[in-house]
C-alpha atoms as a PDB file:
ATOM      1  CA  MET A   1       0.000   0.000   0.000  1.00  0.00           C
ATOM      2  CA  VAL A   2       1.058   3.580  -0.631  1.00  0.00           C
ATOM      3  CA  VAL A   3      -0.431   6.488   1.312  1.00  0.00           C
ATOM      4  CA  GLY A   4       0.054   9.686  -0.662  1.00  0.00           C
ATOM      5  CA  GLY A   5      -0.548  10.879  -4.178  1.00  0.00           C
ATOM      6  CA  GLY A   6       2.460  12.947  -5.181  1.00  0.00           C
ATOM      7  CA  LYS A   7       5.720  12.369  -7.009  1.00  0.00           C
ATOM      8  CA  ILE A   8       7.379  10.475  -4.142  1.00  0.00           C
ATOM      9  CA  ALA A   9       4.346   8.202  -3.825  1.00  0.00           C
ATOM     10  CA  LEU A  10       4.565   7.652  -7.586  1.00  0.00           C
ATOM     11  CA  ARG A  11       8.221   6.648  -7.318  1.00  0.00           C
ATOM     12  CA  LYS A  12       7.414   4.136  -4.556  1.00  0.00           C
ATOM     13  CA  ALA A  13       4.443   2.786  -6.516  1.00  0.00           C
ATOM     14  CA  ARG A  14       6.496   2.271  -9.673  1.00  0.00           C
ATOM     15  CA  ALA A  15       9.184   0.400  -7.740  1.00  0.00           C
ATOM     16  CA  MET A  16       6.594  -1.874  -6.141  1.00  0.00           C
ATOM     17  CA  ILE A  17       4.879  -2.538  -9.475  1.00  0.00           C
ATOM     18  CA  GLU A  18       8.245  -3.525 -10.987  1.00  0.00           C
ATOM     19  CA  CYS A  19       8.539  -6.127  -8.213  1.00  0.00           C
ATOM     20  CA  GLY A  20       5.110  -7.548  -9.035  1.00  0.00           C
ATOM     21  CA  ALA A  21       3.182  -6.049  -6.129  1.00  0.00           C
ATOM     22  CA  ARG A  22      -0.593  -5.704  -6.140  1.00  0.00           C
ATOM     23  CA  LEU A  23      -0.823  -2.147  -4.959  1.00  0.00           C
ATOM     24  CA  ASP A  24      -3.445   0.072  -3.354  1.00  0.00           C
ATOM     25  CA  VAL A  25      -2.820   3.826  -3.299  1.00  0.00           C
ATOM     26  CA  THR A  26      -4.831   6.091  -1.010  1.00  0.00           C
ATOM     27  CA  ALA A  27      -4.838   9.889  -1.268  1.00  0.00           C
ATOM     28  CA  PRO A  28      -7.459  12.597  -1.733  1.00  0.00           C
ATOM     29  CA  VAL A  29      -5.485  14.048  -4.663  1.00  0.00           C
ATOM     30  CA  MET A  30      -3.228  12.107  -7.047  1.00  0.00           C
ATOM     31  CA  CYS A  31      -0.667  13.210  -9.576  1.00  0.00           C
ATOM     32  CA  ALA A  32      -1.473  12.564 -13.226  1.00  0.00           C
ATOM     33  CA  GLU A  33       1.002   9.681 -13.458  1.00  0.00           C
ATOM     34  CA  LEU A  34      -0.655   7.763 -10.586  1.00  0.00           C
ATOM     35  CA  ALA A  35      -4.047   8.344 -12.206  1.00  0.00           C
ATOM     36  CA  ALA A  36      -2.636   6.917 -15.438  1.00  0.00           C
ATOM     37  CA  LEU A  37      -1.400   3.803 -13.631  1.00  0.00           C
ATOM     38  CA  ALA A  38      -4.912   3.350 -12.239  1.00  0.00           C
ATOM     39  CA  ARG A  39      -6.462   3.662 -15.713  1.00  0.00           C
ATOM     40  CA  LYS A  40      -4.049   0.957 -16.917  1.00  0.00           C
ATOM     41  CA  HIS A  41      -5.146  -1.249 -13.979  1.00  0.00           C
ATOM     42  CA  LYS A  42      -1.612  -1.293 -12.569  1.00  0.00           C
ATOM     43  CA  ILE A  43      -2.836  -0.003  -9.179  1.00  0.00           C
ATOM     44  CA  THR A  44      -6.073   0.334  -7.250  1.00  0.00           C
ATOM     45  CA  VAL A  45      -6.772   3.849  -6.038  1.00  0.00           C
ATOM     46  CA  ARG A  46      -8.859   5.296  -3.246  1.00  0.00           C
ATOM     47  CA  ARG A  47      -9.282   9.037  -3.864  1.00  0.00           C
ATOM     48  CA  ARG A  48      -9.965   9.997  -0.289  1.00  0.00           C
ATOM     49  CA  LYS A  49      -8.269  10.497   3.042  1.00  0.00           C
ATOM     50  CA  PHE A  50      -6.532   7.557   4.701  1.00  0.00           C
ATOM     51  CA  ARG A  51      -8.669   5.418   7.024  1.00  0.00           C
ATOM     52  CA  VAL A  52      -7.435   2.942   9.629  1.00  0.00           C
ATOM     53  CA  SER A  53      -9.464   0.252   7.840  1.00  0.00           C
ATOM     54  CA  ASP A  54      -7.225   0.731   4.771  1.00  0.00           C
ATOM     55  CA  LEU A  55      -4.545  -1.281   6.586  1.00  0.00           C
ATOM     56  CA  ALA A  56      -6.677  -4.440   6.714  1.00  0.00           C
ATOM     57  CA  GLY A  57      -4.815  -7.268   5.003  1.00  0.00           C
ATOM     58  CA  LYS A  58      -1.749  -5.160   4.211  1.00  0.00           C
ATOM     59  CA  GLU A  59       1.779  -6.486   4.695  1.00  0.00           C
ATOM     60  CA  LEU A  60       3.835  -3.507   3.536  1.00  0.00           C
ATOM     61  CA  VAL A  61       3.061   0.225   3.594  1.00  0.00           C
ATOM     62  CA  PHE A  62       4.858   3.250   2.204  1.00  0.00           C
ATOM     63  CA  CYS A  63       3.610   6.564   3.568  1.00  0.00           C
ATOM     64  CA  ALA A  64       4.677   9.438   1.330  1.00  0.00           C
ATOM     65  CA  THR A  65       2.762  12.511   2.413  1.00  0.00           C
ATOM     66  CA  ASN A  66       3.675  16.034   3.446  1.00  0.00           C
ATOM     67  CA  ASN A  67       1.311  15.751   6.422  1.00  0.00           C
ATOM     68  CA  GLU A  68       3.466  15.063   9.488  1.00  0.00           C
ATOM     69  CA  GLU A  69       0.468  14.147  11.655  1.00  0.00           C
ATOM     70  CA  LEU A  70      -0.704  11.576   9.113  1.00  0.00           C
ATOM     71  CA  ASN A  71       2.827  10.197   8.715  1.00  0.00           C
ATOM     72  CA  ARG A  72       3.069   9.634  12.487  1.00  0.00           C
ATOM     73  CA  LYS A  73      -0.405   8.109  12.614  1.00  0.00           C
ATOM     74  CA  VAL A  74       0.337   5.616   9.824  1.00  0.00           C
ATOM     75  CA  GLY A  75       3.694   4.706  11.380  1.00  0.00           C
ATOM     76  CA  THR A  76       2.162   4.134  14.812  1.00  0.00           C
ATOM     77  CA  LEU A  77      -0.766   2.122  13.470  1.00  0.00           C
ATOM     78  CA  CYS A  78       1.514  -0.074  11.389  1.00  0.00           C
ATOM     79  CA  ARG A  79       3.754  -0.798  14.379  1.00  0.00           C
ATOM     80  CA  ARG A  80       0.719  -1.764  16.479  1.00  0.00           C
ATOM     81  CA  LYS A  81      -0.637  -3.994  13.717  1.00  0.00           C
ATOM     82  CA  LYS A  82       2.795  -5.487  12.980  1.00  0.00           C
ATOM     83  CA  ILE A  83       2.798  -4.203   9.399  1.00  0.00           C
ATOM     84  CA  TRP A  84       6.117  -3.271   7.800  1.00  0.00           C
ATOM     85  CA  ALA A  85       6.015   0.462   7.138  1.00  0.00           C
ATOM     86  CA  ASN A  86       8.333   3.004   5.566  1.00  0.00           C
ATOM     87  CA  ILE A  87       7.468   6.588   6.382  1.00  0.00           C
ATOM     88  CA  VAL A  88       9.419   8.349   3.654  1.00  0.00           C
ATOM     89  CA  ASP A  89      12.290  10.485   4.963  1.00  0.00           C
ATOM     90  CA  ARG A  90      11.324   9.771   8.593  1.00  0.00           C
ATOM     91  CA  PRO A  91      13.621   6.882   9.702  1.00  0.00           C
ATOM     92  CA  ALA A  92      12.522   7.139  13.341  1.00  0.00           C
ATOM     93  CA  LEU A  93       8.949   6.311  12.279  1.00  0.00           C
ATOM     94  CA  CYS A  94       9.913   3.413  10.008  1.00  0.00           C
ATOM     95  CA  GLY A  95       9.774  -0.325  10.518  1.00  0.00           C
ATOM     96  CA  PHE A  96      12.278  -0.573   7.653  1.00  0.00           C
ATOM     97  CA  ILE A  97      14.247   1.770   5.461  1.00  0.00           C
ATOM     98  CA  VAL A  98      15.280   1.513   1.825  1.00  0.00           C
ATOM     99  CA  PRO A  99      18.588   2.608   0.326  1.00  0.00           C
ATOM    100  CA  SER A 100      18.815   5.354  -2.241  1.00  0.00           C
ATOM    101  CA  VAL A 101      18.684   4.272  -5.869  1.00  0.00           C
ATOM    102  CA  MET A 102      20.940   6.051  -8.318  1.00  0.00           C
END
């Protein structure tokens, strides 16, 4: 799952798709490229705010928002539910981190 609809969320989504992931993306607003991936049935989108119920059945979550409160909330919920989570650029909130790709 990816929480967020901007360019960083897009980068995470593309990387997950390349690995064969079935991916849900949740955000009230999405960049054009994420919308295009949805039209091509590469991802499932929820154009709305994140809900706790969105985590049901998830094993891996990337949170890529500019909302610090939401980032903390997703990180905390994932820890409680024992879901691997990467809160982009917030290592202290992460259950795992990923290296930079050049």
